């Protein structure tokens, strides 16, 4: 009964969640891009150089299983659910869109805010952070898909079984990002 009731209501809440996630990311990225424009160019280049080397080192260590991600290891507050589904969708979406105050499982995430700031452009910062937030906000659609009776738990199990592959992929992306960063700044 729970799965089938108010299906269209779930869709409207999912749209609110995805939209608030994206909006929060766009605002965070634009703010970081504007903040970065206040930092002198040479300081941004030096920061980008250090970050590029760190990205490669952390990516290699992550592939080897030798790092722990520094992050705020917590979920959004459970009490938000009791504020109603609309408020929950908006608050939870916005919090996940910013990302810094919730559980992040991979070092690659740090490239999002740092890159948004180093770009020193509100539009480019919003684009980088918006892509991250939009991707995170789309997860709700996978959850809704997993609740469909035809696919059910098989989809959720399939997705969870690929968590190690996702961690390896993000480590590889971090290495590539670090190498590209080194080439751009001229290391």
Protein backbone atom coordinates (compact mmCIF):
# COMPACT_ATOMS: atom_id res chain seq x y z
CA UNK A 1 0.00 0.00 0.00
CA UNK A 2 2.75 2.46 0.93
CA UNK A 3 4.47 2.10 -2.42
CA UNK A 4 1.39 2.83 -4.48
CA UNK A 5 -0.25 5.68 -2.58
CA UNK A 6 0.13 9.23 -3.88
CA UNK A 7 2.57 8.44 -6.69
CA UNK A 8 2.14 11.86 -8.26
CA UNK A 9 2.71 13.44 -4.84
CA UNK A 10 6.10 11.66 -4.70
CA UNK A 11 6.96 13.05 -8.11
CA UNK A 12 6.18 16.63 -7.07
CA UNK A 13 8.32 16.24 -3.94
CA UNK A 14 11.12 14.73 -6.01
CA UNK A 15 10.97 17.73 -8.34
CA UNK A 16 11.17 20.08 -5.32
CA UNK A 17 14.10 18.10 -3.91
CA UNK A 18 16.02 18.08 -7.21
CA UNK A 19 15.30 21.76 -7.82
CA UNK A 20 16.38 22.91 -4.36
CA UNK A 21 19.53 20.79 -4.61
CA UNK A 22 20.42 22.39 -7.93
CA UNK A 23 19.59 25.92 -6.76
CA UNK A 24 21.71 25.55 -3.61
CA UNK A 25 24.64 24.33 -5.69
CA UNK A 26 24.31 27.16 -8.17
CA UNK A 27 24.22 29.77 -5.39
CA UNK A 28 27.16 28.19 -3.52
CA UNK A 29 29.23 28.02 -6.71
CA UNK A 30 28.42 31.59 -7.71
CA UNK A 31 29.36 32.81 -4.22
CA UNK A 32 32.65 30.89 -4.26
CA UNK A 33 33.42 32.13 -7.77
CA UNK A 34 32.81 35.72 -6.65
CA UNK A 35 34.94 35.15 -3.55
CA UNK A 36 37.73 33.70 -5.69
CA UNK A 37 37.77 36.82 -7.84
CA UNK A 38 38.96 38.70 -4.74
CA UNK A 39 42.01 36.44 -4.42
CA UNK A 40 45.11 37.58 -6.37
CA UNK A 41 45.89 35.58 -9.51
CA UNK A 42 49.27 34.36 -8.25
CA UNK A 43 47.70 33.07 -5.04
CA UNK A 44 45.10 31.18 -7.09
CA UNK A 45 47.82 29.70 -9.33
CA UNK A 46 49.86 28.62 -6.30
CA UNK A 47 46.75 27.14 -4.66
CA UNK A 48 45.84 25.36 -7.87
CA UNK A 49 49.36 23.91 -8.09
CA UNK A 50 49.26 22.55 -4.55
CA UNK A 51 45.72 21.26 -5.04
CA UNK A 52 46.70 19.49 -8.27
CA UNK A 53 49.57 17.65 -6.61
CA UNK A 54 47.34 16.81 -3.62
CA UNK A 55 44.67 15.49 -5.98
CA UNK A 56 47.07 13.07 -7.63
CA UNK A 57 48.50 11.90 -4.28
CA UNK A 58 45.06 11.46 -2.70
CA UNK A 59 43.74 9.74 -5.82
CA UNK A 60 46.60 7.23 -5.83
CA UNK A 61 46.24 6.63 -2.08
CA UNK A 62 42.49 6.17 -2.51
CA UNK A 63 43.02 3.60 -5.26
CA UNK A 64 45.35 1.77 -2.88
CA UNK A 65 42.76 1.95 -0.10
CA UNK A 66 45.08 4.02 2.08
CA UNK A 67 43.05 7.15 2.84
CA UNK A 68 40.11 8.20 4.90
CA UNK A 69 38.01 11.02 3.59
CA UNK A 70 37.78 14.00 5.92
CA UNK A 71 34.14 15.01 6.06
CA UNK A 72 31.18 15.74 8.26
CA UNK A 73 29.94 12.18 8.65
CA UNK A 74 26.28 12.77 9.30
CA UNK A 75 22.90 12.63 7.67
CA UNK A 76 20.49 15.52 7.54
CA UNK A 77 18.45 15.83 10.77
CA UNK A 78 15.66 13.28 11.08
CA UNK A 79 13.39 15.92 12.65
CA UNK A 80 13.14 17.65 9.25
CA UNK A 81 10.92 14.79 8.08
CA UNK A 82 8.31 15.85 10.65
CA UNK A 83 8.07 19.36 9.17
CA UNK A 84 6.14 17.89 6.25
CA UNK A 85 7.20 16.47 2.90
CA UNK A 86 7.40 19.81 1.09
CA UNK A 87 9.63 21.46 3.69
CA UNK A 88 11.69 18.30 3.99
CA UNK A 89 12.24 18.14 0.22
CA UNK A 90 13.34 21.78 0.10
CA UNK A 91 15.58 21.75 3.20
CA UNK A 92 17.12 18.35 2.56
CA UNK A 93 17.69 19.15 -1.10
CA UNK A 94 19.38 22.47 -0.33
CA UNK A 95 21.60 20.89 2.31
CA UNK A 96 22.69 18.08 0.01
CA UNK A 97 23.21 20.54 -2.84
CA UNK A 98 25.79 22.44 -0.80
CA UNK A 99 27.25 19.15 0.38
CA UNK A 100 29.75 20.39 2.97
CA UNK A 101 27.56 19.65 5.99
CA UNK A 102 26.68 16.07 5.06
CA UNK A 103 28.45 12.79 4.46
CA UNK A 104 30.76 12.91 1.45
CA UNK A 105 32.32 9.57 0.59
CA UNK A 106 35.16 10.61 -1.69
CA UNK A 107 38.02 13.10 -2.01
CA UNK A 108 36.88 14.22 -5.46
CA UNK A 109 34.10 16.29 -3.86
CA UNK A 110 36.67 18.78 -2.57
CA UNK A 111 37.47 19.73 -6.15
CA UNK A 112 33.95 21.17 -6.44
CA UNK A 113 34.13 24.08 -3.98
CA UNK A 114 37.87 24.59 -4.43
CA UNK A 115 37.57 24.59 -8.22
CA UNK A 116 34.58 26.92 -8.08
CA UNK A 117 36.64 29.38 -6.08
CA UNK A 118 39.81 29.03 -8.17
CA UNK A 119 37.86 29.81 -11.34
CA UNK A 120 37.25 33.28 -9.89
CA UNK A 121 34.09 33.68 -11.91
CA UNK A 122 30.57 33.46 -10.46
CA UNK A 123 29.11 31.94 -13.64
CA UNK A 124 31.79 29.26 -13.96
CA UNK A 125 31.66 28.58 -10.22
CA UNK A 126 27.90 28.15 -10.43
CA UNK A 127 28.34 25.81 -13.40
CA UNK A 128 30.86 23.55 -11.60
CA UNK A 129 28.93 23.43 -8.33
CA UNK A 130 25.60 23.21 -10.18
CA UNK A 131 26.73 20.09 -12.04
CA UNK A 132 27.70 18.46 -8.75
CA UNK A 133 24.49 19.49 -7.00
CA UNK A 134 22.31 18.58 -9.97
CA UNK A 135 23.87 15.13 -10.09
CA UNK A 136 23.36 14.64 -6.37
CA UNK A 137 19.79 15.90 -6.63
CA UNK A 138 18.99 13.40 -9.35
CA UNK A 139 19.57 10.51 -6.92
CA UNK A 140 15.99 10.82 -5.75
CA UNK A 141 14.82 9.58 -9.16
CA UNK A 142 16.86 6.40 -8.74
CA UNK A 143 15.26 5.89 -5.36
CA UNK A 144 11.79 6.34 -6.83
CA UNK A 145 12.69 3.91 -9.61
CA UNK A 146 13.78 1.34 -7.03
CA UNK A 147 10.34 1.56 -5.39
CA UNK A 148 8.56 0.52 -8.56
CA UNK A 149 7.02 -2.93 -8.08
CA UNK A 150 8.45 -4.35 -11.30
CA UNK A 151 12.07 -3.55 -10.37
CA UNK A 152 11.88 -3.22 -6.60
CA UNK A 153 14.84 -4.10 -4.50
CA UNK A 154 16.82 -5.61 -7.36
CA UNK A 155 17.75 -2.13 -8.61
CA UNK A 156 18.71 -0.88 -5.13
CA UNK A 157 20.80 -4.00 -4.52
CA UNK A 158 22.48 -3.64 -7.92
CA UNK A 159 23.30 0.00 -7.21
CA UNK A 160 24.66 -0.63 -3.70
CA UNK A 161 26.80 -3.50 -4.97
CA UNK A 162 28.60 -1.01 -7.23
CA UNK A 163 29.74 1.29 -4.39
CA UNK A 164 33.34 0.01 -4.55
CA UNK A 165 33.41 0.65 -8.30
CA UNK A 166 32.13 4.19 -7.72
CA UNK A 167 34.85 4.82 -5.13
CA UNK A 168 37.52 3.57 -7.53
CA UNK A 169 36.11 5.71 -10.34
CA UNK A 170 36.12 8.87 -8.21
CA UNK A 171 39.74 8.17 -7.23
CA UNK A 172 40.64 7.79 -10.90
CA UNK A 173 38.80 11.00 -11.79
CA UNK A 174 40.69 12.78 -9.02
CA UNK A 175 44.02 11.66 -10.48
CA UNK A 176 43.00 12.82 -13.96
CA UNK A 177 41.78 16.14 -12.56
CA UNK A 178 45.09 16.59 -10.71
CA UNK A 179 47.15 15.84 -13.83
CA UNK A 180 45.03 18.24 -15.92
CA UNK A 181 45.44 20.85 -13.18
CA UNK A 182 49.21 20.40 -13.30
CA UNK A 183 49.22 20.85 -17.05
CA UNK A 184 47.06 23.97 -16.83
CA UNK A 185 49.17 25.68 -14.16
CA UNK A 186 52.40 24.53 -15.78
CA UNK A 187 53.93 22.19 -13.22
